[in-house]
PDB file of N, CA and C in Angstrom:
ATOM      1  N   MET A   1      14.150  -1.596  -4.101  1.00  0.00           N
ATOM      2  CA  MET A   1      13.180  -0.517  -4.125  1.00  0.00           C
ATOM      3  C   MET A   1      11.774  -1.109  -4.011  1.00  0.00           C
ATOM      4  N   ILE A   2      10.951  -0.452  -3.220  1.00  0.00           N
ATOM      5  CA  ILE A   2       9.537  -0.813  -3.135  1.00  0.00           C
ATOM      6  C   ILE A   2       8.817  -0.081  -4.266  1.00  0.00           C
ATOM      7  N   LYS A   3       8.075  -0.830  -5.053  1.00  0.00           N
ATOM      8  CA  LYS A   3       7.265  -0.239  -6.118  1.00  0.00           C
ATOM      9  C   LYS A   3       5.800  -0.415  -5.758  1.00  0.00           C
ATOM     10  N   ILE A   4       5.086   0.689  -5.781  1.00  0.00           N
ATOM     11  CA  ILE A   4       3.649   0.689  -5.510  1.00  0.00           C
ATOM     12  C   ILE A   4       2.970   1.036  -6.825  1.00  0.00           C
ATOM     13  N   ILE A   5       2.284   0.047  -7.387  1.00  0.00           N
ATOM     14  CA  ILE A   5       1.664   0.214  -8.692  1.00  0.00           C
ATOM     15  C   ILE A   5       0.159   0.413  -8.483  1.00  0.00           C
ATOM     16  N   VAL A   6      -0.333   1.549  -8.958  1.00  0.00           N
ATOM     17  CA  VAL A   6      -1.747   1.912  -8.785  1.00  0.00           C
ATOM     18  C   VAL A   6      -2.382   2.000 -10.164  1.00  0.00           C
ATOM     19  N   LYS A   7      -3.354   1.132 -10.414  1.00  0.00           N
ATOM     20  CA  LYS A   7      -4.072   1.185 -11.691  1.00  0.00           C
ATOM     21  C   LYS A   7      -5.507   0.760 -11.472  1.00  0.00           C
ATOM     22  N   ASP A   8      -6.408   1.582 -11.949  1.00  0.00           N
ATOM     23  CA  ASP A   8      -7.840   1.333 -11.801  1.00  0.00           C
ATOM     24  C   ASP A   8      -8.171   0.977 -10.357  1.00  0.00           C
ATOM     25  N   ASN A   9      -8.708  -0.204 -10.126  1.00  0.00           N
ATOM     26  CA  ASN A   9      -9.099  -0.628  -8.774  1.00  0.00           C
ATOM     27  C   ASN A   9      -8.125  -1.636  -8.189  1.00  0.00           C
ATOM     28  N   LEU A  10      -6.850  -1.522  -8.558  1.00  0.00           N
ATOM     29  CA  LEU A  10      -5.840  -2.463  -8.106  1.00  0.00           C
ATOM     30  C   LEU A  10      -4.598  -1.722  -7.627  1.00  0.00           C
ATOM     31  N   ILE A  11      -4.094  -2.127  -6.468  1.00  0.00           N
ATOM     32  CA  ILE A  11      -2.858  -1.566  -5.929  1.00  0.00           C
ATOM     33  C   ILE A  11      -1.942  -2.739  -5.599  1.00  0.00           C
ATOM     34  N   GLN A  12      -0.739  -2.717  -6.165  1.00  0.00           N
ATOM     35  CA  GLN A  12       0.246  -3.750  -5.904  1.00  0.00           C
ATOM     36  C   GLN A  12       1.459  -3.126  -5.240  1.00  0.00           C
ATOM     37  N   ILE A  13       1.987  -3.807  -4.227  1.00  0.00           N
ATOM     38  CA  ILE A  13       3.178  -3.358  -3.530  1.00  0.00           C
ATOM     39  C   ILE A  13       4.208  -4.467  -3.658  1.00  0.00           C
ATOM     40  N   LYS A  14       5.344  -4.143  -4.304  1.00  0.00           N
ATOM     41  CA  LYS A  14       6.358  -5.145  -4.609  1.00  0.00           C
ATOM     42  C   LYS A  14       7.726  -4.663  -4.148  1.00  0.00           C
ATOM     43  N   GLY A  15       8.585  -5.613  -3.833  1.00  0.00           N
ATOM     44  CA  GLY A  15       9.986  -5.310  -3.606  1.00  0.00           C
ATOM     45  C   GLY A  15      10.357  -5.055  -2.159  1.00  0.00           C
ATOM     46  N   HIS A  16      11.595  -4.625  -1.998  1.00  0.00           N
ATOM     47  CA  HIS A  16      12.162  -4.347  -0.679  1.00  0.00           C
ATOM     48  C   HIS A  16      12.851  -2.984  -0.743  1.00  0.00           C
ATOM     49  N   ALA A  17      12.730  -2.201   0.302  1.00  0.00           N
ATOM     50  CA  ALA A  17      13.261  -0.835   0.308  1.00  0.00           C
ATOM     51  C   ALA A  17      14.789  -0.799   0.242  1.00  0.00           C
ATOM     52  N   ASN A  18      15.454  -1.835   0.772  1.00  0.00           N
ATOM     53  CA  ASN A  18      16.920  -1.855   0.844  1.00  0.00           C
ATOM     54  C   ASN A  18      17.475  -0.666   1.613  1.00  0.00           C
ATOM     55  N   TYR A  19      16.714  -0.205   2.574  1.00  0.00           N
ATOM     56  CA  TYR A  19      17.156   0.888   3.445  1.00  0.00           C
ATOM     57  C   TYR A  19      18.047   0.334   4.553  1.00  0.00           C
ATOM     58  N   ALA A  20      17.736  -0.863   4.986  1.00  0.00           N
ATOM     59  CA  ALA A  20      18.514  -1.550   6.017  1.00  0.00           C
ATOM     60  C   ALA A  20      18.430  -3.052   5.756  1.00  0.00           C
ATOM     61  N   THR A  21      19.072  -3.824   6.594  1.00  0.00           N
ATOM     62  CA  THR A  21      19.072  -5.274   6.471  1.00  0.00           C
ATOM     63  C   THR A  21      17.649  -5.809   6.533  1.00  0.00           C
ATOM     64  N   TYR A  22      17.383  -6.841   5.718  1.00  0.00           N
ATOM     65  CA  TYR A  22      16.075  -7.481   5.719  1.00  0.00           C
ATOM     66  C   TYR A  22      15.720  -7.907   7.141  1.00  0.00           C
ATOM     67  N   GLY A  23      14.503  -7.575   7.563  1.00  0.00           N
ATOM     68  CA  GLY A  23      14.064  -7.880   8.925  1.00  0.00           C
ATOM     69  C   GLY A  23      14.307  -6.735   9.905  1.00  0.00           C
ATOM     70  N   GLU A  24      15.129  -5.770   9.496  1.00  0.00           N
ATOM     71  CA  GLU A  24      15.418  -4.604  10.346  1.00  0.00           C
ATOM     72  C   GLU A  24      15.138  -3.294   9.620  1.00  0.00           C
ATOM     73  N   ASP A  25      14.490  -3.394   8.480  1.00  0.00           N
ATOM     74  CA  ASP A  25      14.263  -2.238   7.624  1.00  0.00           C
ATOM     75  C   ASP A  25      13.023  -1.469   8.075  1.00  0.00           C
ATOM     76  N   ILE A  26      13.244  -0.310   8.691  1.00  0.00           N
ATOM     77  CA  ILE A  26      12.117   0.478   9.210  1.00  0.00           C
ATOM     78  C   ILE A  26      11.256   1.054   8.092  1.00  0.00           C
ATOM     79  N   LEU A  27      11.831   1.209   6.908  1.00  0.00           N
ATOM     80  CA  LEU A  27      11.058   1.724   5.781  1.00  0.00           C
ATOM     81  C   LEU A  27      10.068   0.674   5.284  1.00  0.00           C
ATOM     82  N   CYS A  28      10.507  -0.570   5.179  1.00  0.00           N
ATOM     83  CA  CYS A  28       9.587  -1.661   4.817  1.00  0.00           C
ATOM     84  C   CYS A  28       8.508  -1.804   5.889  1.00  0.00           C
ATOM     85  N   ALA A  29       8.911  -1.696   7.140  1.00  0.00           N
ATOM     86  CA  ALA A  29       7.943  -1.791   8.236  1.00  0.00           C
ATOM     87  C   ALA A  29       6.923  -0.659   8.160  1.00  0.00           C
ATOM     88  N   SER A  30       7.366   0.525   7.790  1.00  0.00           N
ATOM     89  CA  SER A  30       6.449   1.669   7.662  1.00  0.00           C
ATOM     90  C   SER A  30       5.421   1.433   6.563  1.00  0.00           C
ATOM     91  N   VAL A  31       5.880   0.961   5.415  1.00  0.00           N
ATOM     92  CA  VAL A  31       4.964   0.685   4.307  1.00  0.00           C
ATOM     93  C   VAL A  31       3.969  -0.391   4.719  1.00  0.00           C
ATOM     94  N   SER A  32       4.469  -1.472   5.315  1.00  0.00           N
ATOM     95  CA  SER A  32       3.581  -2.554   5.763  1.00  0.00           C
ATOM     96  C   SER A  32       2.562  -2.046   6.768  1.00  0.00           C
ATOM     97  N   SER A  33       2.994  -1.242   7.696  1.00  0.00           N
ATOM     98  CA  SER A  33       2.098  -0.710   8.726  1.00  0.00           C
ATOM     99  C   SER A  33       0.993   0.146   8.116  1.00  0.00           C
ATOM    100  N   ILE A  34       1.355   1.008   7.185  1.00  0.00           N
ATOM    101  CA  ILE A  34       0.364   1.858   6.516  1.00  0.00           C
ATOM    102  C   ILE A  34      -0.650   1.003   5.767  1.00  0.00           C
ATOM    103  N   VAL A  35      -0.164   0.014   5.023  1.00  0.00           N
ATOM    104  CA  VAL A  35      -1.045  -0.832   4.217  1.00  0.00           C
ATOM    105  C   VAL A  35      -1.945  -1.681   5.111  1.00  0.00           C
ATOM    106  N   TYR A  36      -1.365  -2.349   6.104  1.00  0.00           N
ATOM    107  CA  TYR A  36      -2.169  -3.210   6.986  1.00  0.00           C
ATOM    108  C   TYR A  36      -3.213  -2.415   7.767  1.00  0.00           C
ATOM    109  N   THR A  37      -2.856  -1.231   8.230  1.00  0.00           N
ATOM    110  CA  THR A  37      -3.818  -0.405   8.967  1.00  0.00           C
ATOM    111  C   THR A  37      -4.999  -0.044   8.072  1.00  0.00           C
ATOM    112  N   THR A  38      -4.717   0.331   6.831  1.00  0.00           N
ATOM    113  CA  THR A  38      -5.773   0.677   5.886  1.00  0.00           C
ATOM    114  C   THR A  38      -6.648  -0.532   5.571  1.00  0.00           C
ATOM    115  N   VAL A  39      -6.019  -1.643   5.248  1.00  0.00           N
ATOM    116  CA  VAL A  39      -6.758  -2.863   4.904  1.00  0.00           C
ATOM    117  C   VAL A  39      -7.617  -3.304   6.078  1.00  0.00           C
ATOM    118  N   ASN A  40      -7.056  -3.319   7.285  1.00  0.00           N
ATOM    119  CA  ASN A  40      -7.832  -3.730   8.460  1.00  0.00           C
ATOM    120  C   ASN A  40      -9.013  -2.798   8.705  1.00  0.00           C
ATOM    121  N   GLY A  41      -8.813  -1.501   8.517  1.00  0.00           N
ATOM    122  CA  GLY A  41      -9.903  -0.546   8.694  1.00  0.00           C
ATOM    123  C   GLY A  41     -11.039  -0.799   7.725  1.00  0.00           C
ATOM    124  N   ILE A  42     -10.685  -1.011   6.459  1.00  0.00           N
ATOM    125  CA  ILE A  42     -11.715  -1.276   5.454  1.00  0.00           C
ATOM    126  C   ILE A  42     -12.418  -2.598   5.738  1.00  0.00           C
ATOM    127  N   MET A  43     -11.638  -3.638   6.038  1.00  0.00           N
ATOM    128  CA  MET A  43     -12.222  -4.963   6.275  1.00  0.00           C
ATOM    129  C   MET A  43     -13.112  -4.983   7.519  1.00  0.00           C
ATOM    130  N   ASN A  44     -12.782  -4.181   8.523  1.00  0.00           N
ATOM    131  CA  ASN A  44     -13.630  -4.103   9.712  1.00  0.00           C
ATOM    132  C   ASN A  44     -14.976  -3.469   9.407  1.00  0.00           C
ATOM    133  N   LEU A  45     -15.012  -2.585   8.415  1.00  0.00           N
ATOM    134  CA  LEU A  45     -16.256  -1.929   8.038  1.00  0.00           C
ATOM    135  C   LEU A  45     -17.070  -2.752   7.043  1.00  0.00           C
ATOM    136  N   ASP A  46     -16.355  -3.393   6.085  1.00  0.00           N
ATOM    137  CA  ASP A  46     -17.049  -4.149   5.043  1.00  0.00           C
ATOM    138  C   ASP A  46     -16.082  -5.156   4.426  1.00  0.00           C
ATOM    139  N   LYS A  47     -16.191  -6.398   4.821  1.00  0.00           N
ATOM    140  CA  LYS A  47     -15.279  -7.451   4.355  1.00  0.00           C
ATOM    141  C   LYS A  47     -15.359  -7.694   2.845  1.00  0.00           C
ATOM    142  N   LYS A  48     -16.445  -7.263   2.231  1.00  0.00           N
ATOM    143  CA  LYS A  48     -16.628  -7.488   0.793  1.00  0.00           C
ATOM    144  C   LYS A  48     -16.148  -6.312  -0.055  1.00  0.00           C
ATOM    145  N   ALA A  49     -15.661  -5.252   0.573  1.00  0.00           N
ATOM    146  CA  ALA A  49     -15.269  -4.056  -0.166  1.00  0.00           C
ATOM    147  C   ALA A  49     -13.953  -4.223  -0.913  1.00  0.00           C
ATOM    148  N   ILE A  50     -13.045  -5.042  -0.357  1.00  0.00           N
ATOM    149  CA  ILE A  50     -11.748  -5.262  -0.999  1.00  0.00           C
ATOM    150  C   ILE A  50     -11.342  -6.728  -0.863  1.00  0.00           C
ATOM    151  N   SER A  51     -10.392  -7.114  -1.702  1.00  0.00           N
ATOM    152  CA  SER A  51      -9.693  -8.377  -1.472  1.00  0.00           C
ATOM    153  C   SER A  51      -8.233  -8.009  -1.228  1.00  0.00           C
ATOM    154  N   PHE A  52      -7.586  -8.755  -0.366  1.00  0.00           N
ATOM    155  CA  PHE A  52      -6.198  -8.457   0.001  1.00  0.00           C
ATOM    156  C   PHE A  52      -5.393  -9.743  -0.046  1.00  0.00           C
ATOM    157  N   ILE A  53      -4.302  -9.702  -0.777  1.00  0.00           N
ATOM    158  CA  ILE A  53      -3.380 -10.831  -0.857  1.00  0.00           C
ATOM    159  C   ILE A  53      -2.037 -10.351  -0.324  1.00  0.00           C
ATOM    160  N   ASP A  54      -1.448 -11.131   0.557  1.00  0.00           N
ATOM    161  CA  ASP A  54      -0.123 -10.817   1.093  1.00  0.00           C
ATOM    162  C   ASP A  54       0.721 -12.082   1.028  1.00  0.00           C
ATOM    163  N   GLU A  55       1.330 -12.263  -0.110  1.00  0.00           N
ATOM    164  CA  GLU A  55       2.194 -13.423  -0.297  1.00  0.00           C
ATOM    165  C   GLU A  55       3.578 -12.894  -0.651  1.00  0.00           C
ATOM    166  N   LYS A  56       4.046 -13.114  -1.838  1.00  0.00           N
ATOM    167  CA  LYS A  56       5.346 -12.582  -2.239  1.00  0.00           C
ATOM    168  C   LYS A  56       5.274 -11.055  -2.391  1.00  0.00           C
ATOM    169  N   GLU A  57       4.117 -10.580  -2.770  1.00  0.00           N
ATOM    170  CA  GLU A  57       3.847  -9.144  -2.848  1.00  0.00           C
ATOM    171  C   GLU A  57       2.462  -8.902  -2.273  1.00  0.00           C
ATOM    172  N   MET A  58       2.153  -7.642  -1.983  1.00  0.00           N
ATOM    173  CA  MET A  58       0.825  -7.304  -1.476  1.00  0.00           C
ATOM    174  C   MET A  58      -0.024  -6.801  -2.635  1.00  0.00           C
ATOM    175  N   GLU A  59      -1.307  -7.153  -2.587  1.00  0.00           N
ATOM    176  CA  GLU A  59      -2.233  -6.709  -3.624  1.00  0.00           C
ATOM    177  C   GLU A  59      -3.576  -6.376  -2.983  1.00  0.00           C
ATOM    178  N   ILE A  60      -4.040  -5.177  -3.259  1.00  0.00           N
ATOM    179  CA  ILE A  60      -5.361  -4.745  -2.804  1.00  0.00           C
ATOM    180  C   ILE A  60      -6.218  -4.549  -4.050  1.00  0.00           C
ATOM    181  N   LYS A  61      -7.326  -5.249  -4.092  1.00  0.00           N
ATOM    182  CA  LYS A  61      -8.280  -5.083  -5.197  1.00  0.00           C
ATOM    183  C   LYS A  61      -9.549  -4.481  -4.608  1.00  0.00           C
ATOM    184  N   ILE A  62      -9.951  -3.335  -5.130  1.00  0.00           N
ATOM    185  CA  ILE A  62     -11.160  -2.668  -4.659  1.00  0.00           C
ATOM    186  C   ILE A  62     -12.346  -3.295  -5.381  1.00  0.00           C
ATOM    187  N   LEU A  63     -13.221  -3.922  -4.608  1.00  0.00           N
ATOM    188  CA  LEU A  63     -14.372  -4.629  -5.162  1.00  0.00           C
ATOM    189  C   LEU A  63     -15.638  -3.793  -5.109  1.00  0.00           C
ATOM    190  N   GLN A  64     -15.753  -2.971  -4.060  1.00  0.00           N
ATOM    191  CA  GLN A  64     -16.916  -2.102  -3.882  1.00  0.00           C
ATOM    192  C   GLN A  64     -16.410  -0.709  -3.536  1.00  0.00           C
ATOM    193  N   GLU A  65     -16.501   0.177  -4.497  1.00  0.00           N
ATOM    194  CA  GLU A  65     -15.997   1.522  -4.271  1.00  0.00           C
ATOM    195  C   GLU A  65     -17.099   2.381  -3.652  1.00  0.00           C
ATOM    196  N   ASN A  66     -16.880   2.776  -2.403  1.00  0.00           N
ATOM    197  CA  ASN A  66     -17.808   3.681  -1.734  1.00  0.00           C
ATOM    198  C   ASN A  66     -17.000   4.795  -1.090  1.00  0.00           C
ATOM    199  N   GLN A  67     -17.670   5.722  -0.449  1.00  0.00           N
ATOM    200  CA  GLN A  67     -16.995   6.897   0.109  1.00  0.00           C
ATOM    201  C   GLN A  67     -15.941   6.528   1.144  1.00  0.00           C
ATOM    202  N   VAL A  68     -16.254   5.587   2.022  1.00  0.00           N
ATOM    203  CA  VAL A  68     -15.301   5.187   3.069  1.00  0.00           C
ATOM    204  C   VAL A  68     -14.067   4.534   2.454  1.00  0.00           C
ATOM    205  N   VAL A  69     -14.271   3.643   1.511  1.00  0.00           N
ATOM    206  CA  VAL A  69     -13.145   2.977   0.843  1.00  0.00           C
ATOM    207  C   VAL A  69     -12.279   4.017   0.128  1.00  0.00           C
ATOM    208  N   LYS A  70     -12.905   4.945  -0.589  1.00  0.00           N
ATOM    209  CA  LYS A  70     -12.161   5.996  -1.288  1.00  0.00           C
ATOM    210  C   LYS A  70     -11.310   6.809  -0.316  1.00  0.00           C
ATOM    211  N   ILE A  71     -11.900   7.215   0.794  1.00  0.00           N
ATOM    212  CA  ILE A  71     -11.181   8.029   1.773  1.00  0.00           C
ATOM    213  C   ILE A  71      -9.996   7.268   2.357  1.00  0.00           C
ATOM    214  N   LEU A  72     -10.227   6.018   2.756  1.00  0.00           N
ATOM    215  CA  LEU A  72      -9.150   5.244   3.375  1.00  0.00           C
ATOM    216  C   LEU A  72      -8.046   4.906   2.379  1.00  0.00           C
ATOM    217  N   ILE A  73      -8.396   4.539   1.161  1.00  0.00           N
ATOM    218  CA  ILE A  73      -7.380   4.242   0.141  1.00  0.00           C
ATOM    219  C   ILE A  73      -6.604   5.507  -0.216  1.00  0.00           C
ATOM    220  N   ASN A  74      -7.299   6.627  -0.399  1.00  0.00           N
ATOM    221  CA  ASN A  74      -6.604   7.888  -0.694  1.00  0.00           C
ATOM    222  C   ASN A  74      -5.682   8.294   0.440  1.00  0.00           C
ATOM    223  N   ASN A  75      -6.110   8.111   1.676  1.00  0.00           N
ATOM    224  CA  ASN A  75      -5.265   8.416   2.822  1.00  0.00           C
ATOM    225  C   ASN A  75      -4.010   7.537   2.802  1.00  0.00           C
ATOM    226  N   MET A  76      -4.177   6.239   2.528  1.00  0.00           N
ATOM    227  CA  MET A  76      -3.045   5.322   2.439  1.00  0.00           C
ATOM    228  C   MET A  76      -2.059   5.787   1.366  1.00  0.00           C
ATOM    229  N   LEU A  77      -2.576   6.142   0.193  1.00  0.00           N
ATOM    230  CA  LEU A  77      -1.709   6.581  -0.901  1.00  0.00           C
ATOM    231  C   LEU A  77      -0.999   7.892  -0.573  1.00  0.00           C
ATOM    232  N   GLU A  78      -1.666   8.792   0.137  1.00  0.00           N
ATOM    233  CA  GLU A  78      -1.026  10.046   0.550  1.00  0.00           C
ATOM    234  C   GLU A  78       0.104   9.778   1.539  1.00  0.00           C
ATOM    235  N   LEU A  79      -0.104   8.867   2.476  1.00  0.00           N
ATOM    236  CA  LEU A  79       0.949   8.517   3.428  1.00  0.00           C
ATOM    237  C   LEU A  79       2.136   7.871   2.715  1.00  0.00           C
ATOM    238  N   LEU A  80       1.850   6.991   1.767  1.00  0.00           N
ATOM    239  CA  LEU A  80       2.927   6.363   1.001  1.00  0.00           C
ATOM    240  C   LEU A  80       3.647   7.386   0.129  1.00  0.00           C
ATOM    241  N   GLU A  81       2.910   8.337  -0.425  1.00  0.00           N
ATOM    242  CA  GLU A  81       3.514   9.412  -1.215  1.00  0.00           C
ATOM    243  C   GLU A  81       4.467  10.243  -0.352  1.00  0.00           C
ATOM    244  N   ASP A  82       4.088  10.515   0.889  1.00  0.00           N
ATOM    245  CA  ASP A  82       4.978  11.231   1.805  1.00  0.00           C
ATOM    246  C   ASP A  82       6.290  10.475   2.001  1.00  0.00           C
ATOM    247  N   LEU A  83       6.213   9.150   2.108  1.00  0.00           N
ATOM    248  CA  LEU A  83       7.436   8.349   2.247  1.00  0.00           C
ATOM    249  C   LEU A  83       8.294   8.430   0.990  1.00  0.00           C
ATOM    250  N   THR A  84       7.657   8.461  -0.189  1.00  0.00           N
ATOM    251  CA  THR A  84       8.437   8.541  -1.430  1.00  0.00           C
ATOM    252  C   THR A  84       9.183   9.870  -1.525  1.00  0.00           C
ATOM    253  N   LYS A  85       8.617  10.916  -0.970  1.00  0.00           N
ATOM    254  CA  LYS A  85       9.290  12.221  -0.973  1.00  0.00           C
ATOM    255  C   LYS A  85      10.514  12.199  -0.065  1.00  0.00           C
ATOM    256  N   GLN A  86      10.420  11.485   1.047  1.00  0.00           N
ATOM    257  CA  GLN A  86      11.532  11.407   1.991  1.00  0.00           C
ATOM    258  C   GLN A  86      12.590  10.391   1.561  1.00  0.00           C
ATOM    259  N   TYR A  87      12.167   9.352   0.857  1.00  0.00           N
ATOM    260  CA  TYR A  87      13.065   8.262   0.475  1.00  0.00           C
ATOM    261  C   TYR A  87      12.889   7.899  -1.003  1.00  0.00           C
ATOM    262  N   PRO A  88      13.193   8.827  -1.911  1.00  0.00           N
ATOM    263  CA  PRO A  88      12.939   8.586  -3.338  1.00  0.00           C
ATOM    264  C   PRO A  88      13.779   7.459  -3.942  1.00  0.00           C
ATOM    265  N   ARG A  89      14.867   7.101  -3.311  1.00  0.00           N
ATOM    266  CA  ARG A  89      15.699   6.001  -3.816  1.00  0.00           C
ATOM    267  C   ARG A  89      15.183   4.632  -3.378  1.00  0.00           C
ATOM    268  N   ASN A  90      14.235   4.647  -2.436  1.00  0.00           N
ATOM    269  CA  ASN A  90      13.786   3.390  -1.845  1.00  0.00           C
ATOM    270  C   ASN A  90      12.328   3.033  -2.141  1.00  0.00           C
ATOM    271  N   ILE A  91      11.515   4.041  -2.478  1.00  0.00           N
ATOM    272  CA  ILE A  91      10.089   3.819  -2.718  1.00  0.00           C
ATOM    273  C   ILE A  91       9.665   4.618  -3.942  1.00  0.00           C
ATOM    274  N   LYS A  92       8.867   3.974  -4.792  1.00  0.00           N
ATOM    275  CA  LYS A  92       8.360   4.638  -5.990  1.00  0.00           C
ATOM    276  C   LYS A  92       6.905   4.269  -6.182  1.00  0.00           C
ATOM    277  N   ILE A  93       6.076   5.267  -6.501  1.00  0.00           N
ATOM    278  CA  ILE A  93       4.676   5.030  -6.833  1.00  0.00           C
ATOM    279  C   ILE A  93       4.524   5.193  -8.344  1.00  0.00           C
ATOM    280  N   ILE A  94       3.932   4.178  -8.957  1.00  0.00           N
ATOM    281  CA  ILE A  94       3.709   4.182 -10.403  1.00  0.00           C
ATOM    282  C   ILE A  94       2.210   4.153 -10.618  1.00  0.00           C
ATOM    283  N   LYS A  95       1.688   5.173 -11.284  1.00  0.00           N
ATOM    284  CA  LYS A  95       0.236   5.255 -11.501  1.00  0.00           C
ATOM    285  C   LYS A  95      -0.102   4.967 -12.951  1.00  0.00           C
ATOM    286  N   GLY A  96      -1.158   4.147 -13.117  1.00  0.00           N
ATOM    287  CA  GLY A  96      -1.707   3.888 -14.426  1.00  0.00           C
ATOM    288  C   GLY A  96      -0.901   2.983 -15.325  1.00  0.00           C
ATOM    289  N   GLU A  97      -0.050   2.159 -14.780  1.00  0.00           N
ATOM    290  CA  GLU A  97       0.772   1.269 -15.610  1.00  0.00           C
ATOM    291  C   GLU A  97      -0.010   0.076 -16.078  1.00  0.00           C
TER     292      GLU A  97
END
């Protein structure tokens, strides 16, 4: 299961969807695509607005909260929330942990 942990100015994405074989999992690819598109959009506008780590898990730390960052992060979370509604056994969003 992919767990998306949202707390304060930190978003962590951990795990694997287990929807299909590793490397062929369209659900993991969807989550990655949503996150990378958001991160790239923010970084193209202001490289100092967030920090992004993509190692064993993904981590977005909001360093400068402005209107554009809020809109893009909220849009990302709404898209991920839509996936959790379609695939509740594979993706979970945890807020405020």
